[in-house]
PDB file of N, CA and C in Angstrom:
ATOM      1  N   UNK A   1       0.851  -1.181   0.000  1.00  0.00           N
ATOM      2  CA  UNK A   1       0.000   0.000   0.000  1.00  0.00           C
ATOM      3  C   UNK A   1       0.893   1.239   0.000  1.00  0.00           C
ATOM      4  N   UNK A   2       0.438   2.249  -0.702  1.00  0.00           N
ATOM      5  CA  UNK A   2       1.199   3.492  -0.791  1.00  0.00           C
ATOM      6  C   UNK A   2       1.135   4.245   0.532  1.00  0.00           C
ATOM      7  N   UNK A   3       2.227   4.896   0.866  1.00  0.00           N
ATOM      8  CA  UNK A   3       2.281   5.638   2.111  1.00  0.00           C
ATOM      9  C   UNK A   3       2.222   7.140   1.883  1.00  0.00           C
ATOM     10  N   UNK A   4       2.911   7.609   0.863  1.00  0.00           N
ATOM     11  CA  UNK A   4       2.955   9.053   0.646  1.00  0.00           C
ATOM     12  C   UNK A   4       1.728   9.503  -0.142  1.00  0.00           C
ATOM     13  N   UNK A   5       1.462  10.785  -0.018  1.00  0.00           N
ATOM     14  CA  UNK A   5       0.306  11.370  -0.692  1.00  0.00           C
ATOM     15  C   UNK A   5       0.459  11.294  -2.213  1.00  0.00           C
ATOM     16  N   UNK A   6       1.665  11.550  -2.699  1.00  0.00           N
ATOM     17  CA  UNK A   6       1.892  11.535  -4.143  1.00  0.00           C
ATOM     18  C   UNK A   6       1.768  10.116  -4.701  1.00  0.00           C
ATOM     19  N   UNK A   7       2.199   9.128  -3.926  1.00  0.00           N
ATOM     20  CA  UNK A   7       2.086   7.737  -4.366  1.00  0.00           C
ATOM     21  C   UNK A   7       0.618   7.329  -4.452  1.00  0.00           C
ATOM     22  N   UNK A   8      -0.183   7.795  -3.508  1.00  0.00           N
ATOM     23  CA  UNK A   8      -1.624   7.501  -3.539  1.00  0.00           C
ATOM     24  C   UNK A   8      -2.281   8.144  -4.747  1.00  0.00           C
ATOM     25  N   UNK A   9      -1.859   9.362  -5.088  1.00  0.00           N
ATOM     26  CA  UNK A   9      -2.387  10.041  -6.273  1.00  0.00           C
ATOM     27  C   UNK A   9      -2.015   9.258  -7.533  1.00  0.00           C
ATOM     28  N   UNK A  10      -0.773   8.785  -7.586  1.00  0.00           N
ATOM     29  CA  UNK A  10      -0.321   8.061  -8.771  1.00  0.00           C
ATOM     30  C   UNK A  10      -1.070   6.746  -8.942  1.00  0.00           C
ATOM     31  N   UNK A  11      -1.416   6.089  -7.852  1.00  0.00           N
ATOM     32  CA  UNK A  11      -2.215   4.865  -7.944  1.00  0.00           C
ATOM     33  C   UNK A  11      -3.551   5.180  -8.613  1.00  0.00           C
ATOM     34  N   UNK A  12      -4.137   6.304  -8.245  1.00  0.00           N
ATOM     35  CA  UNK A  12      -5.408   6.731  -8.834  1.00  0.00           C
ATOM     36  C   UNK A  12      -5.234   7.033 -10.320  1.00  0.00           C
ATOM     37  N   UNK A  13      -4.206   7.775 -10.683  1.00  0.00           N
ATOM     38  CA  UNK A  13      -3.956   8.161 -12.078  1.00  0.00           C
ATOM     39  C   UNK A  13      -3.695   6.924 -12.931  1.00  0.00           C
ATOM     40  N   UNK A  14      -2.876   6.015 -12.424  1.00  0.00           N
ATOM     41  CA  UNK A  14      -2.547   4.804 -13.169  1.00  0.00           C
ATOM     42  C   UNK A  14      -3.791   3.954 -13.389  1.00  0.00           C
ATOM     43  N   UNK A  15      -4.667   3.919 -12.397  1.00  0.00           N
ATOM     44  CA  UNK A  15      -5.923   3.168 -12.539  1.00  0.00           C
ATOM     45  C   UNK A  15      -6.795   3.746 -13.648  1.00  0.00           C
ATOM     46  N   UNK A  16      -6.862   5.072 -13.722  1.00  0.00           N
ATOM     47  CA  UNK A  16      -7.647   5.704 -14.786  1.00  0.00           C
ATOM     48  C   UNK A  16      -7.022   5.429 -16.151  1.00  0.00           C
ATOM     49  N   UNK A  17      -5.686   5.537 -16.242  1.00  0.00           N
ATOM     50  CA  UNK A  17      -5.000   5.270 -17.508  1.00  0.00           C
ATOM     51  C   UNK A  17      -5.226   3.831 -17.950  1.00  0.00           C
ATOM     52  N   UNK A  18      -5.173   2.912 -17.008  1.00  0.00           N
ATOM     53  CA  UNK A  18      -5.338   1.495 -17.328  1.00  0.00           C
ATOM     54  C   UNK A  18      -6.736   1.237 -17.881  1.00  0.00           C
ATOM     55  N   UNK A  19      -7.755   1.820 -17.269  1.00  0.00           N
ATOM     56  CA  UNK A  19      -9.115   1.586 -17.761  1.00  0.00           C
ATOM     57  C   UNK A  19      -9.297   2.209 -19.147  1.00  0.00           C
ATOM     58  N   UNK A  20      -8.681   3.356 -19.379  1.00  0.00           N
ATOM     59  CA  UNK A  20      -8.751   4.004 -20.698  1.00  0.00           C
ATOM     60  C   UNK A  20      -8.061   3.142 -21.749  1.00  0.00           C
ATOM     61  N   UNK A  21      -6.868   2.641 -21.424  1.00  0.00           N
ATOM     62  CA  UNK A  21      -6.121   1.807 -22.361  1.00  0.00           C
ATOM     63  C   UNK A  21      -6.854   0.503 -22.652  1.00  0.00           C
ATOM     64  N   UNK A  22      -7.469  -0.079 -21.629  1.00  0.00           N
ATOM     65  CA  UNK A  22      -8.216  -1.325 -21.833  1.00  0.00           C
ATOM     66  C   UNK A  22      -9.399  -1.107 -22.757  1.00  0.00           C
ATOM     67  N   UNK A  23     -10.053   0.047 -22.638  1.00  0.00           N
ATOM     68  CA  UNK A  23     -11.186   0.353 -23.515  1.00  0.00           C
ATOM     69  C   UNK A  23     -10.728   0.461 -24.971  1.00  0.00           C
ATOM     70  N   UNK A  24      -9.592   1.094 -25.182  1.00  0.00           N
ATOM     71  CA  UNK A  24      -9.076   1.243 -26.546  1.00  0.00           C
ATOM     72  C   UNK A  24      -8.648  -0.114 -27.099  1.00  0.00           C
ATOM     73  N   UNK A  25      -7.980  -0.936 -26.296  1.00  0.00           N
ATOM     74  CA  UNK A  25      -7.582  -2.277 -26.736  1.00  0.00           C
ATOM     75  C   UNK A  25      -8.809  -3.103 -27.112  1.00  0.00           C
ATOM     76  N   UNK A  26      -9.850  -2.991 -26.312  1.00  0.00           N
ATOM     77  CA  UNK A  26     -11.081  -3.738 -26.582  1.00  0.00           C
ATOM     78  C   UNK A  26     -11.710  -3.279 -27.895  1.00  0.00           C
ATOM     79  N   UNK A  27     -11.707  -1.977 -28.136  1.00  0.00           N
ATOM     80  CA  UNK A  27     -12.268  -1.448 -29.380  1.00  0.00           C
ATOM     81  C   UNK A  27     -11.465  -1.934 -30.588  1.00  0.00           C
ATOM     82  N   UNK A  28     -10.149  -1.956 -30.453  1.00  0.00           N
ATOM     83  CA  UNK A  28      -9.291  -2.432 -31.543  1.00  0.00           C
ATOM     84  C   UNK A  28      -9.610  -3.891 -31.846  1.00  0.00           C
ATOM     85  N   UNK A  29      -9.735  -4.701 -30.805  1.00  0.00           N
ATOM     86  CA  UNK A  29     -10.045  -6.122 -31.000  1.00  0.00           C
ATOM     87  C   UNK A  29     -11.409  -6.291 -31.665  1.00  0.00           C
ATOM     88  N   UNK A  30     -12.360  -5.444 -31.312  1.00  0.00           N
ATOM     89  CA  UNK A  30     -13.680  -5.505 -31.928  1.00  0.00           C
ATOM     90  C   UNK A  30     -13.599  -5.173 -33.410  1.00  0.00           C
ATOM     91  N   UNK A  31     -12.828  -4.145 -33.775  1.00  0.00           N
ATOM     92  CA  UNK A  31     -12.651  -3.803 -35.187  1.00  0.00           C
ATOM     93  C   UNK A  31     -12.028  -4.976 -35.953  1.00  0.00           C
ATOM     94  N   UNK A  32     -11.040  -5.618 -35.353  1.00  0.00           N
ATOM     95  CA  UNK A  32     -10.379  -6.746 -36.010  1.00  0.00           C
ATOM     96  C   UNK A  32     -11.361  -7.901 -36.196  1.00  0.00           C
ATOM     97  N   UNK A  33     -12.140  -8.202 -35.158  1.00  0.00           N
ATOM     98  CA  UNK A  33     -13.111  -9.294 -35.246  1.00  0.00           C
ATOM     99  C   UNK A  33     -14.155  -9.023 -36.317  1.00  0.00           C
ATOM    100  N   UNK A  34     -14.644  -7.786 -36.390  1.00  0.00           N
ATOM    101  CA  UNK A  34     -15.648  -7.442 -37.400  1.00  0.00           C
ATOM    102  C   UNK A  34     -15.061  -7.570 -38.805  1.00  0.00           C
ATOM    103  N   UNK A  35     -13.816  -7.138 -38.972  1.00  0.00           N
ATOM    104  CA  UNK A  35     -13.171  -7.233 -40.280  1.00  0.00           C
ATOM    105  C   UNK A  35     -13.009  -8.694 -40.688  1.00  0.00           C
ATOM    106  N   UNK A  36     -12.566  -9.538 -39.763  1.00  0.00           N
ATOM    107  CA  UNK A  36     -12.388 -10.955 -40.085  1.00  0.00           C
ATOM    108  C   UNK A  36     -13.726 -11.623 -40.397  1.00  0.00           C
ATOM    109  N   UNK A  37     -14.770 -11.196 -39.705  1.00  0.00           N
ATOM    110  CA  UNK A  37     -16.099 -11.749 -39.977  1.00  0.00           C
ATOM    111  C   UNK A  37     -16.566 -11.366 -41.384  1.00  0.00           C
ATOM    112  N   UNK A  38     -16.347 -10.115 -41.773  1.00  0.00           N
ATOM    113  CA  UNK A  38     -16.754  -9.664 -43.102  1.00  0.00           C
ATOM    114  C   UNK A  38     -15.883 -10.261 -44.198  1.00  0.00           C
ATOM    115  N   UNK A  39     -14.662 -10.639 -43.878  1.00  0.00           N
ATOM    116  CA  UNK A  39     -13.787 -11.258 -44.879  1.00  0.00           C
ATOM    117  C   UNK A  39     -14.296 -12.636 -45.287  1.00  0.00           C
ATOM    118  N   UNK A  40     -15.059 -13.272 -44.409  1.00  0.00           N
ATOM    119  CA  UNK A  40     -15.606 -14.585 -44.753  1.00  0.00           C
ATOM    120  C   UNK A  40     -16.837 -14.462 -45.652  1.00  0.00           C
ATOM    121  N   UNK A  41     -17.349 -13.235 -45.801  1.00  0.00           N
ATOM    122  CA  UNK A  41     -18.493 -13.000 -46.675  1.00  0.00           C
ATOM    123  C   UNK A  41     -18.082 -12.895 -48.122  1.00  0.00           C
ATOM    124  N   UNK A  42     -19.025 -12.538 -48.973  1.00  0.00           N
ATOM    125  CA  UNK A  42     -18.760 -12.483 -50.412  1.00  0.00           C
ATOM    126  C   UNK A  42     -18.678 -11.063 -50.956  1.00  0.00           C
ATOM    127  N   UNK A  43     -18.930 -10.065 -50.127  1.00  0.00           N
ATOM    128  CA  UNK A  43     -18.925  -8.689 -50.605  1.00  0.00           C
ATOM    129  C   UNK A  43     -17.606  -8.011 -50.228  1.00  0.00           C
ATOM    130  N   UNK A  44     -16.856  -7.520 -51.228  1.00  0.00           N
ATOM    131  CA  UNK A  44     -15.546  -6.927 -50.921  1.00  0.00           C
ATOM    132  C   UNK A  44     -15.609  -5.526 -50.319  1.00  0.00           C
ATOM    133  N   UNK A  45     -16.627  -4.735 -50.666  1.00  0.00           N
ATOM    134  CA  UNK A  45     -16.658  -3.337 -50.190  1.00  0.00           C
ATOM    135  C   UNK A  45     -16.800  -3.223 -48.671  1.00  0.00           C
ATOM    136  N   UNK A  46     -17.790  -3.885 -48.049  1.00  0.00           N
ATOM    137  CA  UNK A  46     -17.852  -3.781 -46.580  1.00  0.00           C
ATOM    138  C   UNK A  46     -16.610  -4.346 -45.904  1.00  0.00           C
ATOM    139  N   UNK A  47     -16.057  -5.401 -46.487  1.00  0.00           N
ATOM    140  CA  UNK A  47     -14.850  -5.993 -45.908  1.00  0.00           C
ATOM    141  C   UNK A  47     -13.680  -5.018 -46.001  1.00  0.00           C
ATOM    142  N   UNK A  48     -13.560  -4.336 -47.141  1.00  0.00           N
ATOM    143  CA  UNK A  48     -12.466  -3.373 -47.324  1.00  0.00           C
ATOM    144  C   UNK A  48     -12.578  -2.233 -46.319  1.00  0.00           C
ATOM    145  N   UNK A  49     -13.801  -1.726 -46.120  1.00  0.00           N
ATOM    146  CA  UNK A  49     -14.012  -0.640 -45.153  1.00  0.00           C
ATOM    147  C   UNK A  49     -13.672  -1.103 -43.738  1.00  0.00           C
ATOM    148  N   UNK A  50     -14.076  -2.318 -43.395  1.00  0.00           N
ATOM    149  CA  UNK A  50     -13.802  -2.837 -42.055  1.00  0.00           C
ATOM    150  C   UNK A  50     -12.303  -3.015 -41.832  1.00  0.00           C
ATOM    151  N   UNK A  51     -11.596  -3.490 -42.858  1.00  0.00           N
ATOM    152  CA  UNK A  51     -10.144  -3.658 -42.746  1.00  0.00           C
ATOM    153  C   UNK A  51      -9.476  -2.297 -42.575  1.00  0.00           C
ATOM    154  N   UNK A  52      -9.955  -1.296 -43.306  1.00  0.00           N
ATOM    155  CA  UNK A  52      -9.387   0.050 -43.184  1.00  0.00           C
ATOM    156  C   UNK A  52      -9.627   0.620 -41.792  1.00  0.00           C
ATOM    157  N   UNK A  53     -10.842   0.439 -41.260  1.00  0.00           N
ATOM    158  CA  UNK A  53     -11.137   0.935 -39.911  1.00  0.00           C
ATOM    159  C   UNK A  53     -10.261   0.242 -38.872  1.00  0.00           C
ATOM    160  N   UNK A  54     -10.083  -1.067 -39.020  1.00  0.00           N
ATOM    161  CA  UNK A  54      -9.233  -1.803 -38.084  1.00  0.00           C
ATOM    162  C   UNK A  54      -7.791  -1.321 -38.187  1.00  0.00           C
ATOM    163  N   UNK A  55      -7.342  -1.046 -39.399  1.00  0.00           N
ATOM    164  CA  UNK A  55      -5.976  -0.573 -39.615  1.00  0.00           C
ATOM    165  C   UNK A  55      -5.763   0.782 -38.949  1.00  0.00           C
ATOM    166  N   UNK A  56      -6.710   1.673 -39.108  1.00  0.00           N
ATOM    167  CA  UNK A  56      -6.618   3.002 -38.484  1.00  0.00           C
ATOM    168  C   UNK A  56      -6.609   2.874 -36.964  1.00  0.00           C
ATOM    169  N   UNK A  57      -7.487   2.019 -36.426  1.00  0.00           N
ATOM    170  CA  UNK A  57      -7.547   1.838 -34.976  1.00  0.00           C
ATOM    171  C   UNK A  57      -6.235   1.270 -34.449  1.00  0.00           C
ATOM    172  N   UNK A  58      -5.651   0.327 -35.182  1.00  0.00           N
ATOM    173  CA  UNK A  58      -4.360  -0.238 -34.769  1.00  0.00           C
ATOM    174  C   UNK A  58      -3.268   0.820 -34.789  1.00  0.00           C
ATOM    175  N   UNK A  59      -3.253   1.635 -35.846  1.00  0.00           N
ATOM    176  CA  UNK A  59      -2.239   2.690 -35.942  1.00  0.00           C
ATOM    177  C   UNK A  59      -2.364   3.689 -34.796  1.00  0.00           C
ATOM    178  N   UNK A  60      -3.589   4.078 -34.482  1.00  0.00           N
ATOM    179  CA  UNK A  60      -3.797   5.043 -33.396  1.00  0.00           C
ATOM    180  C   UNK A  60      -3.350   4.465 -32.057  1.00  0.00           C
ATOM    181  N   UNK A  61      -3.701   3.210 -31.807  1.00  0.00           N
ATOM    182  CA  UNK A  61      -3.316   2.576 -30.546  1.00  0.00           C
ATOM    183  C   UNK A  61      -1.795   2.460 -30.447  1.00  0.00           C
ATOM    184  N   UNK A  62      -1.142   2.146 -31.561  1.00  0.00           N
ATOM    185  CA  UNK A  62       0.316   2.037 -31.551  1.00  0.00           C
ATOM    186  C   UNK A  62       0.954   3.411 -31.346  1.00  0.00           C
ATOM    187  N   UNK A  63       0.399   4.422 -31.985  1.00  0.00           N
ATOM    188  CA  UNK A  63       0.945   5.772 -31.860  1.00  0.00           C
ATOM    189  C   UNK A  63       0.823   6.285 -30.423  1.00  0.00           C
ATOM    190  N   UNK A  64      -0.264   5.924 -29.751  1.00  0.00           N
ATOM    191  CA  UNK A  64      -0.468   6.359 -28.380  1.00  0.00           C
ATOM    192  C   UNK A  64       0.309   5.512 -27.373  1.00  0.00           C
ATOM    193  N   UNK A  65       0.934   4.440 -27.840  1.00  0.00           N
ATOM    194  CA  UNK A  65       1.720   3.596 -26.955  1.00  0.00           C
ATOM    195  C   UNK A  65       0.903   2.568 -26.209  1.00  0.00           C
ATOM    196  N   UNK A  66      -0.327   2.331 -26.637  1.00  0.00           N
ATOM    197  CA  UNK A  66      -1.185   1.371 -25.956  1.00  0.00           C
ATOM    198  C   UNK A  66      -0.808  -0.049 -26.360  1.00  0.00           C
ATOM    199  N   UNK A  67      -0.438  -0.224 -27.627  1.00  0.00           N
ATOM    200  CA  UNK A  67       0.107  -1.497 -28.083  1.00  0.00           C
ATOM    201  C   UNK A  67       1.442  -1.219 -28.755  1.00  0.00           C
ATOM    202  N   UNK A  68       2.263  -2.237 -28.869  1.00  0.00           N
ATOM    203  CA  UNK A  68       3.573  -2.078 -29.491  1.00  0.00           C
ATOM    204  C   UNK A  68       3.398  -1.891 -30.999  1.00  0.00           C
ATOM    205  N   UNK A  69       4.199  -1.031 -31.616  1.00  0.00           N
ATOM    206  CA  UNK A  69       4.073  -0.812 -33.067  1.00  0.00           C
ATOM    207  C   UNK A  69       4.224  -2.088 -33.895  1.00  0.00           C
ATOM    208  N   UNK A  70       5.086  -3.007 -33.460  1.00  0.00           N
ATOM    209  CA  UNK A  70       5.225  -4.269 -34.194  1.00  0.00           C
ATOM    210  C   UNK A  70       3.959  -5.120 -34.097  1.00  0.00           C
ATOM    211  N   UNK A  71       3.286  -5.032 -32.956  1.00  0.00           N
ATOM    212  CA  UNK A  71       2.024  -5.740 -32.764  1.00  0.00           C
ATOM    213  C   UNK A  71       0.989  -5.208 -33.764  1.00  0.00           C
ATOM    214  N   UNK A  72       0.911  -3.902 -33.895  1.00  0.00           N
ATOM    215  CA  UNK A  72      -0.028  -3.292 -34.834  1.00  0.00           C
ATOM    216  C   UNK A  72       0.313  -3.688 -36.265  1.00  0.00           C
ATOM    217  N   UNK A  73       1.591  -3.652 -36.611  1.00  0.00           N
ATOM    218  CA  UNK A  73       2.017  -4.003 -37.963  1.00  0.00           C
ATOM    219  C   UNK A  73       1.695  -5.463 -38.271  1.00  0.00           C
ATOM    220  N   UNK A  74       1.903  -6.333 -37.300  1.00  0.00           N
ATOM    221  CA  UNK A  74       1.616  -7.753 -37.494  1.00  0.00           C
ATOM    222  C   UNK A  74       0.135  -7.992 -37.754  1.00  0.00           C
ATOM    223  N   UNK A  75      -0.727  -7.356 -36.962  1.00  0.00           N
ATOM    224  CA  UNK A  75      -2.169  -7.519 -37.149  1.00  0.00           C
ATOM    225  C   UNK A  75      -2.625  -6.941 -38.492  1.00  0.00           C
ATOM    226  N   UNK A  76      -2.086  -5.788 -38.854  1.00  0.00           N
ATOM    227  CA  UNK A  76      -2.451  -5.177 -40.140  1.00  0.00           C
ATOM    228  C   UNK A  76      -2.027  -6.073 -41.292  1.00  0.00           C
ATOM    229  N   UNK A  77      -0.835  -6.624 -41.201  1.00  0.00           N
ATOM    230  CA  UNK A  77      -0.330  -7.497 -42.255  1.00  0.00           C
ATOM    231  C   UNK A  77      -1.206  -8.736 -42.404  1.00  0.00           C
ATOM    232  N   UNK A  78      -1.582  -9.328 -41.299  1.00  0.00           N
ATOM    233  CA  UNK A  78      -2.423 -10.526 -41.344  1.00  0.00           C
ATOM    234  C   UNK A  78      -3.800 -10.217 -41.919  1.00  0.00           C
ATOM    235  N   UNK A  79      -4.353  -9.063 -41.541  1.00  0.00           N
ATOM    236  CA  UNK A  79      -5.663  -8.675 -42.085  1.00  0.00           C
ATOM    237  C   UNK A  79      -5.584  -8.474 -43.594  1.00  0.00           C
ATOM    238  N   UNK A  80      -4.550  -7.784 -44.050  1.00  0.00           N
ATOM    239  CA  UNK A  80      -4.415  -7.526 -45.489  1.00  0.00           C
ATOM    240  C   UNK A  80      -4.183  -8.824 -46.255  1.00  0.00           C
ATOM    241  N   UNK A  81      -3.433  -9.733 -45.664  1.00  0.00           N
ATOM    242  CA  UNK A  81      -3.191 -11.023 -46.310  1.00  0.00           C
ATOM    243  C   UNK A  81      -4.513 -11.778 -46.462  1.00  0.00           C
ATOM    244  N   UNK A  82      -5.340 -11.777 -45.407  1.00  0.00           N
ATOM    245  CA  UNK A  82      -6.644 -12.446 -45.469  1.00  0.00           C
ATOM    246  C   UNK A  82      -7.548 -11.770 -46.491  1.00  0.00           C
ATOM    247  N   UNK A  83      -7.482 -10.441 -46.556  1.00  0.00           N
ATOM    248  CA  UNK A  83      -8.306  -9.710 -47.524  1.00  0.00           C
ATOM    249  C   UNK A  83      -7.886 -10.076 -48.948  1.00  0.00           C
ATOM    250  N   UNK A  84      -6.585 -10.118 -49.218  1.00  0.00           N
ATOM    251  CA  UNK A  84      -6.099 -10.423 -50.566  1.00  0.00           C
ATOM    252  C   UNK A  84      -6.376 -11.866 -50.967  1.00  0.00           C
ATOM    253  N   UNK A  85      -6.452 -12.766 -50.002  1.00  0.00           N
ATOM    254  CA  UNK A  85      -6.815 -14.152 -50.312  1.00  0.00           C
ATOM    255  C   UNK A  85      -8.308 -14.234 -50.613  1.00  0.00           C
ATOM    256  N   UNK A  86      -9.123 -13.532 -49.816  1.00  0.00           N
ATOM    257  CA  UNK A  86     -10.570 -13.579 -50.002  1.00  0.00           C
ATOM    258  C   UNK A  86     -11.004 -12.857 -51.276  1.00  0.00           C
ATOM    259  N   UNK A  87     -10.371 -11.742 -51.573  1.00  0.00           N
ATOM    260  CA  UNK A  87     -10.719 -10.934 -52.748  1.00  0.00           C
ATOM    261  C   UNK A  87      -9.437 -10.612 -53.509  1.00  0.00           C
ATOM    262  N   UNK A  88      -8.988 -11.547 -54.351  1.00  0.00           N
ATOM    263  CA  UNK A  88      -7.707 -11.314 -55.045  1.00  0.00           C
ATOM    264  C   UNK A  88      -7.771 -10.092 -55.942  1.00  0.00           C
ATOM    265  N   UNK A  89      -6.689  -9.312 -55.985  1.00  0.00           N
ATOM    266  CA  UNK A  89      -6.670  -8.128 -56.846  1.00  0.00           C
ATOM    267  C   UNK A  89      -6.670  -8.550 -58.308  1.00  0.00           C
ATOM    268  N   UNK A  90      -7.301  -7.738 -59.144  1.00  0.00           N
ATOM    269  CA  UNK A  90      -7.347  -8.038 -60.581  1.00  0.00           C
ATOM    270  C   UNK A  90      -5.946  -7.898 -61.161  1.00  0.00           C
ATOM    271  N   UNK A  91      -5.580  -8.864 -62.000  1.00  0.00           N
ATOM    272  CA  UNK A  91      -4.254  -8.820 -62.618  1.00  0.00           C
ATOM    273  C   UNK A  91      -4.267  -7.818 -63.765  1.00  0.00           C
ATOM    274  N   UNK A  92      -3.172  -7.073 -63.907  1.00  0.00           N
ATOM    275  CA  UNK A  92      -3.053  -6.062 -64.962  1.00  0.00           C
ATOM    276  C   UNK A  92      -2.830  -6.738 -66.294  1.00  0.00           C
ATOM    277  N   UNK A  93      -3.512  -6.239 -67.315  1.00  0.00           N
ATOM    278  CA  UNK A  93      -3.338  -6.749 -68.677  1.00  0.00           C
ATOM    279  C   UNK A  93      -2.144  -6.070 -69.317  1.00  0.00           C
ATOM    280  N   UNK A  94      -1.236  -6.845 -69.919  1.00  0.00           N
ATOM    281  CA  UNK A  94      -0.057  -6.262 -70.569  1.00  0.00           C
ATOM    282  C   UNK A  94      -0.286  -6.109 -72.035  1.00  0.00           C
TER     283      UNK A  94
END
């Protein structure tokens, strides 16, 4: 248990930061789950939008230091790989 007044204040501040960070992590996971769910469907447009939203959420969380930047990059890469498998890009005609 904290003894000094400043230590008690910091326990309070850290608790608020932790709950804020957990909310953002939960939102990021929800975006990822929704994107993966839409990737199993047959429509590319909603899936593309969901992947973009998940990518933005991952970038924001990484920028704020809530998740590690490599963690965000790994999740984004996996999402894009799943998207490209589900909806292959049209090959260019030469």
